C-alpha atoms as a PDB file:
ATOM      1  CA  MET A   1     -46.767 -62.670 -88.171  1.00  0.00           C
ATOM      2  CA  LEU A   2     -47.777 -59.213 -89.365  1.00  0.00           C
ATOM      3  CA  ARG A   3     -51.400 -58.135 -89.077  1.00  0.00           C
ATOM      4  CA  ARG A   4     -53.014 -55.656 -91.407  1.00  0.00           C
ATOM      5  CA  VAL A   5     -53.985 -52.445 -89.625  1.00  0.00           C
ATOM      6  CA  SER A   6     -56.459 -49.989 -91.144  1.00  0.00           C
ATOM      7  CA  GLN A   7     -55.575 -46.369 -91.706  1.00  0.00           C
ATOM      8  CA  TRP A   8     -57.405 -45.603 -88.438  1.00  0.00           C
ATOM      9  CA  GLY A   9     -55.298 -48.076 -86.450  1.00  0.00           C
ATOM     10  CA  LEU A  10     -58.015 -50.729 -86.258  1.00  0.00           C
ATOM     11  CA  LEU A  11     -57.252 -54.444 -86.401  1.00  0.00           C
ATOM     12  CA  PRO A  12     -59.180 -57.000 -88.450  1.00  0.00           C
ATOM     13  CA  MET A  13     -61.233 -59.356 -86.282  1.00  0.00           C
ATOM     14  CA  GLN A  14     -63.372 -62.372 -87.033  1.00  0.00           C
ATOM     15  CA  VAL A  15     -66.401 -63.015 -84.855  1.00  0.00           C
ATOM     16  CA  LYS A  16     -68.149 -66.405 -84.917  1.00  0.00           C
ATOM     17  CA  VAL A  17     -71.689 -66.275 -83.535  1.00  0.00           C
ATOM     18  CA  PHE A  18     -73.610 -69.403 -82.494  1.00  0.00           C
ATOM     19  CA  VAL A  19     -77.380 -69.020 -82.088  1.00  0.00           C
ATOM     20  CA  THR A  20     -79.599 -71.762 -80.616  1.00  0.00           C
ATOM     21  CA  PRO A  21     -83.202 -71.995 -79.439  1.00  0.00           C
ATOM     22  CA  LYS A  22     -83.606 -71.367 -75.711  1.00  0.00           C
ATOM     23  CA  ALA A  23     -84.372 -74.328 -73.479  1.00  0.00           C
ATOM     24  CA  GLY A  24     -88.077 -75.076 -73.547  1.00  0.00           C
ATOM     25  CA  ILE A  25     -88.665 -73.417 -76.931  1.00  0.00           C
ATOM     26  CA  LEU A  26     -90.208 -75.633 -79.600  1.00  0.00           C
ATOM     27  CA  ASP A  27     -87.647 -76.487 -82.311  1.00  0.00           C
ATOM     28  CA  PRO A  28     -89.519 -78.255 -85.123  1.00  0.00           C
ATOM     29  CA  GLN A  29     -86.464 -78.351 -87.384  1.00  0.00           C
ATOM     30  CA  GLY A  30     -84.361 -79.934 -84.632  1.00  0.00           C
ATOM     31  CA  LYS A  31     -87.121 -82.481 -83.975  1.00  0.00           C
ATOM     32  CA  ALA A  32     -87.289 -83.352 -87.700  1.00  0.00           C
ATOM     33  CA  VAL A  33     -83.512 -83.855 -87.845  1.00  0.00           C
ATOM     34  CA  GLU A  34     -83.615 -85.974 -84.680  1.00  0.00           C
ATOM     35  CA  GLN A  35     -86.357 -88.234 -86.079  1.00  0.00           C
ATOM     36  CA  SER A  36     -84.613 -88.533 -89.451  1.00  0.00           C
ATOM     37  CA  LEU A  37     -81.321 -89.522 -87.854  1.00  0.00           C
ATOM     38  CA  LYS A  38     -83.075 -92.166 -85.763  1.00  0.00           C
ATOM     39  CA  SER A  39     -84.885 -93.516 -88.845  1.00  0.00           C
ATOM     40  CA  LEU A  40     -81.485 -93.830 -90.543  1.00  0.00           C
ATOM     41  CA  GLY A  41     -80.304 -96.080 -87.726  1.00  0.00           C
ATOM     42  CA  PHE A  42     -78.601 -93.558 -85.451  1.00  0.00           C
ATOM     43  CA  LYS A  43     -80.510 -94.728 -82.377  1.00  0.00           C
ATOM     44  CA  GLN A  44     -77.975 -93.208 -79.973  1.00  0.00           C
ATOM     45  CA  VAL A  45     -79.054 -89.657 -80.907  1.00  0.00           C
ATOM     46  CA  GLY A  46     -80.784 -87.785 -78.101  1.00  0.00           C
ATOM     47  CA  SER A  47     -82.268 -84.395 -78.713  1.00  0.00           C
ATOM     48  CA  VAL A  48     -81.155 -82.169 -81.586  1.00  0.00           C
ATOM     49  CA  LYS A  49     -81.202 -78.377 -81.729  1.00  0.00           C
ATOM     50  CA  VAL A  50     -80.839 -76.567 -85.030  1.00  0.00           C
ATOM     51  CA  GLY A  51     -79.518 -73.030 -84.886  1.00  0.00           C
ATOM     52  CA  LYS A  52     -77.550 -70.471 -86.838  1.00  0.00           C
ATOM     53  CA  TYR A  53     -73.826 -69.941 -87.341  1.00  0.00           C
ATOM     54  CA  ILE A  54     -72.817 -66.411 -88.368  1.00  0.00           C
ATOM     55  CA  VAL A  55     -69.287 -65.259 -89.245  1.00  0.00           C
ATOM     56  CA  LEU A  56     -68.586 -61.530 -89.089  1.00  0.00           C
ATOM     57  CA  GLU A  57     -65.478 -59.720 -90.282  1.00  0.00           C
ATOM     58  CA  LEU A  58     -65.005 -56.399 -88.505  1.00  0.00           C
ATOM     59  CA  GLU A  59     -62.344 -53.958 -87.449  1.00  0.00           C
ATOM     60  CA  ALA A  60     -61.779 -52.936 -83.844  1.00  0.00           C
ATOM     61  CA  SER A  61     -59.075 -51.382 -81.715  1.00  0.00           C
ATOM     62  CA  SER A  62     -58.989 -54.439 -79.415  1.00  0.00           C
ATOM     63  CA  ALA A  63     -60.540 -57.850 -78.844  1.00  0.00           C
ATOM     64  CA  ASP A  64     -62.539 -56.346 -75.955  1.00  0.00           C
ATOM     65  CA  GLU A  65     -64.024 -53.739 -78.294  1.00  0.00           C
ATOM     66  CA  ALA A  66     -64.845 -56.467 -80.851  1.00  0.00           C
ATOM     67  CA  ARG A  67     -66.586 -58.494 -78.113  1.00  0.00           C
ATOM     68  CA  ALA A  68     -68.656 -55.494 -77.024  1.00  0.00           C
ATOM     69  CA  THR A  69     -69.624 -54.758 -80.627  1.00  0.00           C
ATOM     70  CA  ALA A  70     -70.523 -58.398 -81.292  1.00  0.00           C
ATOM     71  CA  ARG A  71     -72.693 -58.529 -78.162  1.00  0.00           C
ATOM     72  CA  LYS A  72     -74.594 -55.396 -79.288  1.00  0.00           C
ATOM     73  CA  MET A  73     -75.071 -56.866 -82.784  1.00  0.00           C
ATOM     74  CA  CYS A  74     -76.479 -60.071 -81.302  1.00  0.00           C
ATOM     75  CA  GLU A  75     -78.785 -58.270 -78.902  1.00  0.00           C
ATOM     76  CA  GLN A  76     -80.058 -55.736 -81.460  1.00  0.00           C
ATOM     77  CA  LEU A  77     -80.342 -57.743 -84.687  1.00  0.00           C
ATOM     78  CA  LEU A  78     -78.784 -61.182 -85.006  1.00  0.00           C
ATOM     79  CA  THR A  79     -80.918 -62.966 -82.395  1.00  0.00           C
ATOM     80  CA  ASN A  80     -84.405 -62.885 -80.973  1.00  0.00           C
ATOM     81  CA  PRO A  81     -83.746 -62.656 -77.219  1.00  0.00           C
ATOM     82  CA  LEU A  82     -87.199 -64.022 -76.397  1.00  0.00           C
ATOM     83  CA  ILE A  83     -86.558 -67.413 -78.021  1.00  0.00           C
ATOM     84  CA  GLU A  84     -82.817 -67.647 -78.785  1.00  0.00           C
ATOM     85  CA  ASP A  85     -79.541 -67.846 -76.868  1.00  0.00           C
ATOM     86  CA  PHE A  86     -76.183 -66.918 -78.329  1.00  0.00           C
ATOM     87  CA  THR A  87     -72.485 -67.303 -77.731  1.00  0.00           C
ATOM     88  CA  PHE A  88     -69.611 -65.976 -79.783  1.00  0.00           C
ATOM     89  CA  GLU A  89     -65.860 -66.214 -80.260  1.00  0.00           C
ATOM     90  CA  VAL A  90     -63.528 -63.415 -81.324  1.00  0.00           C
ATOM     91  CA  ASP A  91     -60.427 -64.220 -83.319  1.00  0.00           C
ATOM     92  CA  ALA A  92     -58.026 -61.287 -83.406  1.00  0.00           C
ATOM     93  CA  GLY A  93     -56.642 -62.601 -86.701  1.00  0.00           C
END
């Protein structure tokens, strides 16, 4: 399969970022979802965390460069490091 390469030799990448509240941080939205599910009869539900899912399209020279860029984006803007954790996946599409 051929991949599109930019005029600067960069490859298109897709980064999927998953943001969740840190352990011990109050999550009122997660608690509301948990209680609603239980009231609908889903008694087997334990705790629920509600977070964010962010999809980024970017260009990078390698998957390692895309990972480093994604980490910086998460640390500088996409998450609040005091109350949120994050993970991400890079797809060198």
